N, C-alpha and C. Protein backbone atom coordinates (compact mmCIF):
# COMPACT_ATOMS: atom_id res chain seq x y z
N MET A 1 0.62 -1.17 -0.05
CA MET A 1 -0.02 0.05 -0.01
C MET A 1 0.98 1.28 -0.03
N THR A 2 1.89 1.02 0.38
CA THR A 2 3.02 2.53 0.57
C THR A 2 3.54 2.92 -0.65
N THR A 3 3.43 1.59 -1.65
CA THR A 3 4.05 1.95 -2.99
C THR A 3 2.90 2.91 -3.84
N LEU A 4 1.89 2.30 -3.53
CA LEU A 4 0.80 3.33 -4.05
C LEU A 4 0.46 4.47 -3.71
N VAL A 5 0.59 4.97 -2.69
CA VAL A 5 0.58 6.28 -2.00
C VAL A 5 1.91 6.92 -2.34
N VAL A 6 3.10 6.54 -2.57
CA VAL A 6 4.16 7.11 -2.73
C VAL A 6 3.93 7.37 -4.37
N LEU A 7 3.56 6.42 -5.05
CA LEU A 7 3.43 6.80 -6.76
C LEU A 7 1.99 8.06 -7.06
N THR A 8 1.21 7.79 -5.94
CA THR A 8 0.26 9.05 -6.40
C THR A 8 0.50 10.19 -5.93
N VAL A 9 1.68 10.29 -4.72
CA VAL A 9 2.26 12.03 -4.51
C VAL A 9 3.09 12.21 -5.55
N VAL A 10 3.72 11.42 -6.12
CA VAL A 10 4.74 11.65 -7.23
C VAL A 10 4.22 12.16 -8.34
N ALA A 11 2.78 11.29 -8.72
CA ALA A 11 1.98 11.97 -9.96
C ALA A 11 1.38 13.13 -9.74
N ILE A 12 0.86 13.68 -8.27
CA ILE A 12 0.42 14.71 -8.03
C ILE A 12 1.49 16.01 -8.25
N VAL A 13 2.72 15.72 -7.36
CA VAL A 13 3.76 16.62 -7.70
C VAL A 13 4.10 16.85 -9.12
N ALA A 14 4.37 15.88 -9.91
CA ALA A 14 4.27 16.06 -11.36
C ALA A 14 3.63 16.85 -12.28
N LEU A 15 2.18 16.82 -11.75
CA LEU A 15 0.95 17.35 -12.10
C LEU A 15 1.32 18.77 -11.99
N ILE A 16 1.31 19.16 -10.71
CA ILE A 16 1.48 20.76 -10.06
C ILE A 16 2.70 21.13 -10.56
N ALA A 17 3.88 20.70 -10.97
CA ALA A 17 5.24 20.92 -11.41
C ALA A 17 4.59 21.44 -12.95
N GLY A 18 4.06 20.44 -13.73
CA GLY A 18 3.74 20.81 -14.87
C GLY A 18 2.89 22.10 -15.14
N LEU A 19 1.71 22.16 -14.36
CA LEU A 19 0.77 23.28 -14.35
C LEU A 19 1.66 24.63 -13.78
N ALA A 20 2.33 24.60 -13.16
CA ALA A 20 3.33 25.84 -12.64
C ALA A 20 4.42 26.21 -13.46
N PHE A 21 4.77 25.15 -14.19
CA PHE A 21 5.87 25.71 -15.44
C PHE A 21 4.83 26.16 -16.50
N TYR A 22 3.79 25.95 -16.81
CA TYR A 22 2.80 26.03 -17.96
C TYR A 22 2.46 27.62 -17.55
N LEU A 23 1.87 27.70 -16.09
CA LEU A 23 1.56 28.91 -15.64
C LEU A 23 2.41 30.23 -15.99
N TYR A 24 4.18 29.83 -15.67
CA TYR A 24 4.93 30.74 -15.83
C TYR A 24 5.23 30.89 -17.18
N TRP A 25 5.09 30.13 -18.04
CA TRP A 25 5.51 30.33 -19.53
C TRP A 25 4.12 31.38 -20.26
N ALA A 26 2.74 31.26 -19.83
CA ALA A 26 1.94 31.93 -20.24
C ALA A 26 2.15 33.06 -19.55
N GLY A 27 2.37 33.15 -18.47
CA GLY A 27 2.55 34.59 -17.67
C GLY A 27 3.58 35.43 -18.40
N SER A 28 4.86 34.65 -18.97
CA SER A 28 5.96 35.51 -19.46
C SER A 28 5.37 36.00 -20.93
N LEU A 29 4.62 35.21 -21.70
CA LEU A 29 4.00 35.60 -22.85
C LEU A 29 2.93 36.87 -22.54
N LEU A 30 2.20 36.54 -21.58
CA LEU A 30 1.50 37.89 -21.51
C LEU A 30 1.86 39.10 -21.26
N THR A 31 3.06 38.95 -20.32
CA THR A 31 3.90 40.14 -20.12
C THR A 31 4.23 40.78 -21.29
N ARG A 32 4.76 39.77 -22.57
CA ARG A 32 5.52 40.42 -23.66
C ARG A 32 4.29 41.02 -24.36
N ILE A 33 3.01 40.52 -24.31
CA ILE A 33 1.80 41.05 -25.36
C ILE A 33 1.65 42.44 -24.70
N ALA A 34 1.73 42.58 -23.31
CA ALA A 34 1.29 43.79 -22.69
C ALA A 34 2.31 44.89 -22.95
N GLY A 35 3.74 44.55 -22.62
CA GLY A 35 4.72 45.39 -23.22
C GLY A 35 4.26 45.95 -24.69
N ASN A 36 4.23 44.97 -25.77
CA ASN A 36 3.69 45.23 -27.04
C ASN A 36 2.81 46.26 -27.12
N LEU A 37 1.69 45.91 -26.42
CA LEU A 37 0.65 46.78 -26.46
C LEU A 37 0.71 48.27 -26.18
N GLU A 38 1.54 48.42 -25.03
CA GLU A 38 1.75 49.65 -24.42
C GLU A 38 2.33 50.22 -25.34
N ASP A 39 3.53 49.55 -26.23
CA ASP A 39 4.43 50.57 -27.36
C ASP A 39 2.95 51.02 -27.95
N CYS A 40 2.29 49.91 -28.61
CA CYS A 40 1.34 50.26 -29.55
C CYS A 40 0.06 51.39 -29.38
N ALA A 41 -0.01 51.56 -27.98
CA ALA A 41 -0.84 52.56 -27.33
C ALA A 41 -0.11 53.90 -27.61
N GLY A 42 1.18 53.86 -27.43
CA GLY A 42 2.02 55.24 -27.72
C GLY A 42 1.90 55.70 -29.16
N LEU A 43 2.13 54.68 -30.02
CA LEU A 43 2.19 54.88 -31.62
C LEU A 43 1.06 55.53 -31.78
N VAL A 44 -0.08 54.80 -31.38
CA VAL A 44 -1.58 55.46 -31.66
C VAL A 44 -1.83 56.47 -31.01
N ARG A 45 -1.43 57.19 -29.80
CA ARG A 45 -1.45 58.44 -29.74
C ARG A 45 -0.53 59.74 -30.35
N THR A 46 0.58 59.15 -30.80
CA THR A 46 1.37 59.98 -32.05
C THR A 46 0.58 59.95 -33.26
N ILE A 47 -0.15 58.97 -33.71
CA ILE A 47 -0.95 59.29 -35.15
C ILE A 47 -2.17 60.10 -34.76
N VAL A 48 -2.86 59.71 -33.52
CA VAL A 48 -4.16 60.79 -33.45
C VAL A 48 -3.53 62.26 -33.45
N GLY A 49 -2.40 62.73 -32.70
CA GLY A 49 -1.78 63.86 -32.56
C GLY A 49 -1.39 64.20 -34.06
N HIS A 50 -0.97 63.82 -34.87
CA HIS A 50 -0.54 63.92 -36.55
C HIS A 50 -1.93 64.19 -37.08
N ALA A 51 -3.18 63.38 -36.89
CA ALA A 51 -4.05 63.34 -37.64
C ALA A 51 -5.08 64.91 -37.45
N ARG A 52 -5.08 64.96 -35.95
CA ARG A 52 -5.43 66.67 -35.62
C ARG A 52 -5.10 67.62 -36.18
N GLN A 53 -3.51 67.55 -36.48
CA GLN A 53 -3.04 68.39 -37.55
C GLN A 53 -3.20 68.44 -39.09
N ILE A 54 -3.56 67.72 -39.29
CA ILE A 54 -3.67 67.35 -40.95
C ILE A 54 -5.18 67.36 -41.11
N GLY A 55 -5.99 67.08 -40.07
CA GLY A 55 -7.65 67.14 -40.25
C GLY A 55 -8.02 68.50 -40.83
N PRO A 56 -7.90 69.89 -40.66
CA PRO A 56 -8.52 70.64 -41.41
C PRO A 56 -8.12 70.62 -42.86
N GLY A 57 -7.05 70.17 -43.41
CA GLY A 57 -6.56 70.60 -44.59
C GLY A 57 -7.21 69.49 -45.30
N VAL A 58 -7.71 68.24 -44.94
CA VAL A 58 -8.38 67.31 -45.75
C VAL A 58 -9.29 67.68 -46.79
N GLU A 59 -10.29 68.85 -46.22
CA GLU A 59 -11.59 69.29 -47.32
C GLU A 59 -10.51 70.00 -48.45
N HIS A 60 -9.78 70.62 -48.21
CA HIS A 60 -9.15 71.26 -49.44
C HIS A 60 -8.21 69.86 -50.22
N ILE A 61 -7.81 69.35 -49.70
CA ILE A 61 -7.06 68.29 -50.53
C ILE A 61 -7.90 67.35 -51.35
N ASN A 62 -9.45 66.86 -50.49
CA ASN A 62 -10.16 66.28 -51.32
C ASN A 62 -10.63 67.31 -52.42
N GLN A 63 -10.70 68.70 -52.57
CA GLN A 63 -11.45 69.40 -53.43
C GLN A 63 -10.40 69.41 -54.34
N THR A 64 -9.13 69.54 -54.18
CA THR A 64 -8.25 69.56 -55.63
C THR A 64 -7.97 68.21 -55.88
N GLY A 65 -8.26 67.03 -55.20
CA GLY A 65 -8.24 65.93 -55.76
C GLY A 65 -9.58 65.71 -57.00
N GLY A 66 -10.64 66.11 -56.56
CA GLY A 66 -11.58 66.26 -57.43
C GLY A 66 -11.54 66.82 -58.32
N VAL A 67 -10.88 68.20 -58.68
CA VAL A 67 -10.58 68.83 -59.73
C VAL A 67 -9.82 67.99 -60.69
N VAL A 68 -8.49 67.69 -59.97
CA VAL A 68 -7.70 66.79 -60.86
C VAL A 68 -8.25 65.62 -61.56
N ALA A 69 -8.96 64.54 -60.69
CA ALA A 69 -9.99 63.46 -61.40
C ALA A 69 -10.71 64.29 -62.37
N GLY A 70 -11.39 65.29 -62.40
CA GLY A 70 -12.19 65.65 -63.46
C GLY A 70 -11.38 66.15 -64.91
N ALA A 71 -10.18 66.59 -64.43
CA ALA A 71 -9.41 66.96 -65.69
C ALA A 71 -8.88 65.53 -66.50
N LEU A 72 -8.70 64.61 -65.57
CA LEU A 72 -7.89 63.45 -66.33
C LEU A 72 -8.10 62.86 -67.32
N PRO A 73 -9.55 62.66 -67.92
CA PRO A 73 -9.99 62.33 -69.00
C PRO A 73 -9.84 63.05 -70.41
N LEU A 74 -9.89 64.59 -70.01
CA LEU A 74 -8.97 65.51 -71.02
C LEU A 74 -7.58 65.53 -71.14
N LEU A 75 -6.80 65.26 -70.31
CA LEU A 75 -5.33 65.33 -70.43
C LEU A 75 -5.06 64.13 -70.78
N TYR A 76 -5.89 62.97 -70.86
CA TYR A 76 -5.50 61.41 -71.33
C TYR A 76 -5.68 61.70 -72.94
N GLY A 77 -6.84 62.17 -73.21
CA GLY A 77 -7.20 62.46 -74.54
C GLY A 77 -6.33 63.42 -75.33
N MET A 78 -5.88 64.42 -74.91
CA MET A 78 -4.95 65.24 -75.56
C MET A 78 -3.31 64.58 -75.44
N ALA A 79 -3.09 63.89 -74.38
CA ALA A 79 -1.93 63.01 -74.52
C ALA A 79 -1.98 61.95 -75.68
N GLU A 80 -2.98 61.28 -76.00
CA GLU A 80 -3.29 60.42 -76.76
C GLU A 80 -3.09 61.21 -78.33
N GLU A 81 -3.49 61.87 -78.30
CA GLU A 81 -3.70 63.17 -79.57
C GLU A 81 -2.04 63.16 -79.95
N ILE A 82 -1.51 63.66 -79.12
CA ILE A 82 -0.21 63.87 -79.18
C ILE A 82 0.98 62.79 -79.35
N VAL A 83 0.72 61.82 -78.95
CA VAL A 83 1.42 60.49 -79.24
C VAL A 83 1.10 60.18 -80.81
N ALA A 84 -0.03 60.42 -81.22
CA ALA A 84 -0.52 59.95 -82.14
C ALA A 84 -0.03 60.67 -83.32
N ASP A 85 0.09 61.91 -83.12
CA ASP A 85 0.63 62.87 -84.20
C ASP A 85 1.93 62.64 -84.40
N VAL A 86 3.04 62.10 -83.03
CA VAL A 86 4.31 62.06 -83.63
C VAL A 86 4.82 60.57 -83.48
N THR A 87 3.94 59.55 -83.59
CA THR A 87 4.61 58.40 -83.78
C THR A 87 4.62 58.08 -85.05
N PRO A 88 5.68 57.68 -85.64
CA PRO A 88 5.96 57.53 -87.35
C PRO A 88 5.08 55.98 -87.47
N ARG A 89 4.53 56.45 -88.55
CA ARG A 89 4.01 55.14 -89.24
C ARG A 89 4.64 54.50 -90.53
N PRO A 90 4.54 53.17 -90.49
CA PRO A 90 5.32 52.48 -91.88
C PRO A 90 4.49 52.89 -92.86
N ALA A 91 5.46 52.80 -93.90
CA ALA A 91 4.56 53.10 -95.12
C ALA A 91 3.44 51.99 -95.78
N GLU A 92 2.62 52.14 -96.37
CA GLU A 92 1.70 51.43 -96.75
C GLU A 92 2.38 50.60 -97.73
N PRO A 93 2.28 49.03 -97.40
CA PRO A 93 2.63 48.05 -98.54
C PRO A 93 1.96 47.89 -99.57
N ALA A 94 2.60 47.70 -100.96
CA ALA A 94 1.84 47.90 -102.17
C ALA A 94 0.68 47.03 -101.96
N ALA A 95 -0.39 47.06 -102.82
CA ALA A 95 -1.75 46.21 -102.64
C ALA A 95 -0.87 45.08 -103.69
N ALA A 96 -0.62 43.88 -103.21
CA ALA A 96 -0.31 42.48 -104.19
C ALA A 96 -1.67 42.26 -104.83
N VAL A 97 -1.18 41.64 -106.24
CA VAL A 97 -2.66 41.43 -106.53
C VAL A 97 -2.39 39.44 -106.30
N ALA A 98 -3.38 38.96 -105.90
CA ALA A 98 -3.75 37.76 -105.44
C ALA A 98 -3.43 36.84 -106.58
N ARG A 99 -2.77 35.88 -107.02
CA ARG A 99 -2.75 35.09 -107.98
C ARG A 99 -2.72 33.72 -107.47
N PRO A 100 -3.16 32.87 -108.13
CA PRO A 100 -3.34 31.23 -107.80
C PRO A 100 -1.96 30.43 -107.83
N ALA A 101 -1.52 29.91 -106.87
CA ALA A 101 -0.16 29.27 -106.56
C ALA A 101 -0.04 28.20 -107.83
N SER A 102 -0.89 27.62 -108.84
CA SER A 102 -0.54 27.06 -109.98
C SER A 102 -0.24 27.73 -111.15
N GLY A 103 -0.53 29.25 -110.93
CA GLY A 103 -0.18 29.98 -112.18
C GLY A 103 -2.01 30.47 -112.74
N THR A 104 -1.69 31.12 -113.86
CA THR A 104 -2.92 31.55 -114.38
C THR A 104 -3.22 30.50 -115.55
N ARG A 105 -4.61 30.39 -115.80
CA ARG A 105 -5.25 29.34 -116.76
C ARG A 105 -5.58 30.02 -117.81
N ARG A 106 -5.41 29.77 -119.36
CA ARG A 106 -5.73 30.26 -120.09
C ARG A 106 -7.23 29.57 -120.76
N SER A 107 -8.13 30.49 -120.69
CA SER A 107 -9.58 30.13 -120.85
C SER A 107 -9.55 29.80 -122.58
N ARG A 108 -10.30 28.81 -122.71
CA ARG A 108 -10.56 28.24 -124.40
C ARG A 108 -11.78 29.11 -124.91
N LEU A 109 -12.49 29.50 -123.76
CA LEU A 109 -13.59 30.18 -124.35
C LEU A 109 -13.46 31.22 -125.33
N HIS A 110 -12.79 31.89 -124.84
CA HIS A 110 -12.13 33.28 -125.80
C HIS A 110 -11.75 32.78 -127.01
N ASP A 111 -11.03 31.49 -127.13
CA ASP A 111 -10.34 31.14 -128.54
C ASP A 111 -12.04 30.76 -129.27
N ALA A 112 -12.73 30.34 -128.52
CA ALA A 112 -14.03 29.60 -129.27
C ALA A 112 -14.72 30.69 -130.14
N VAL A 113 -14.72 31.94 -129.50
CA VAL A 113 -15.48 33.34 -129.69
C VAL A 113 -14.74 34.28 -130.60
N GLY A 114 -13.15 33.95 -130.46
CA GLY A 114 -12.36 34.78 -131.49
C GLY A 114 -11.95 36.13 -130.69
N TYR A 115 -12.00 35.95 -129.43
CA TYR A 115 -11.34 37.00 -128.44
C TYR A 115 -10.04 36.81 -128.19
N ALA A 116 -9.17 38.01 -128.39
CA ALA A 116 -7.80 37.79 -128.05
C ALA A 116 -7.72 39.20 -127.16
N PRO A 117 -7.41 39.00 -125.80
CA PRO A 117 -6.79 40.13 -124.93
C PRO A 117 -5.68 40.71 -125.32
N GLN A 118 -5.60 42.08 -124.95
CA GLN A 118 -4.25 42.33 -125.05
C GLN A 118 -3.28 42.26 -124.05
N ARG A 119 -2.06 41.89 -124.19
CA ARG A 119 -1.30 41.50 -123.13
C ARG A 119 -0.28 42.16 -123.12
């Protein structure tokens, strides 16, 4: 019976030691997370301060952006015309007469009626 009691105590001590190690590990992770969140909070305060300074000019920026966006189609069309005017175009190739690969055939109908085309 003493062996069973000793093994039970050893199992309980191992379980408590495992839980203690787990809690120490989880606590260290949470401490690092808390430090990172504190740093992030400082960065957010800085961003809010910058946004307060930029805020009044945003309406003017949006108005200017609207004017520029409205002019873009006109500017694009003008640029296309400029490019089309200065782009060199290759000379048009002379129209080739389509001839069959086997050569031209002489029609015998013309001989039958007495027609002789000028060559």
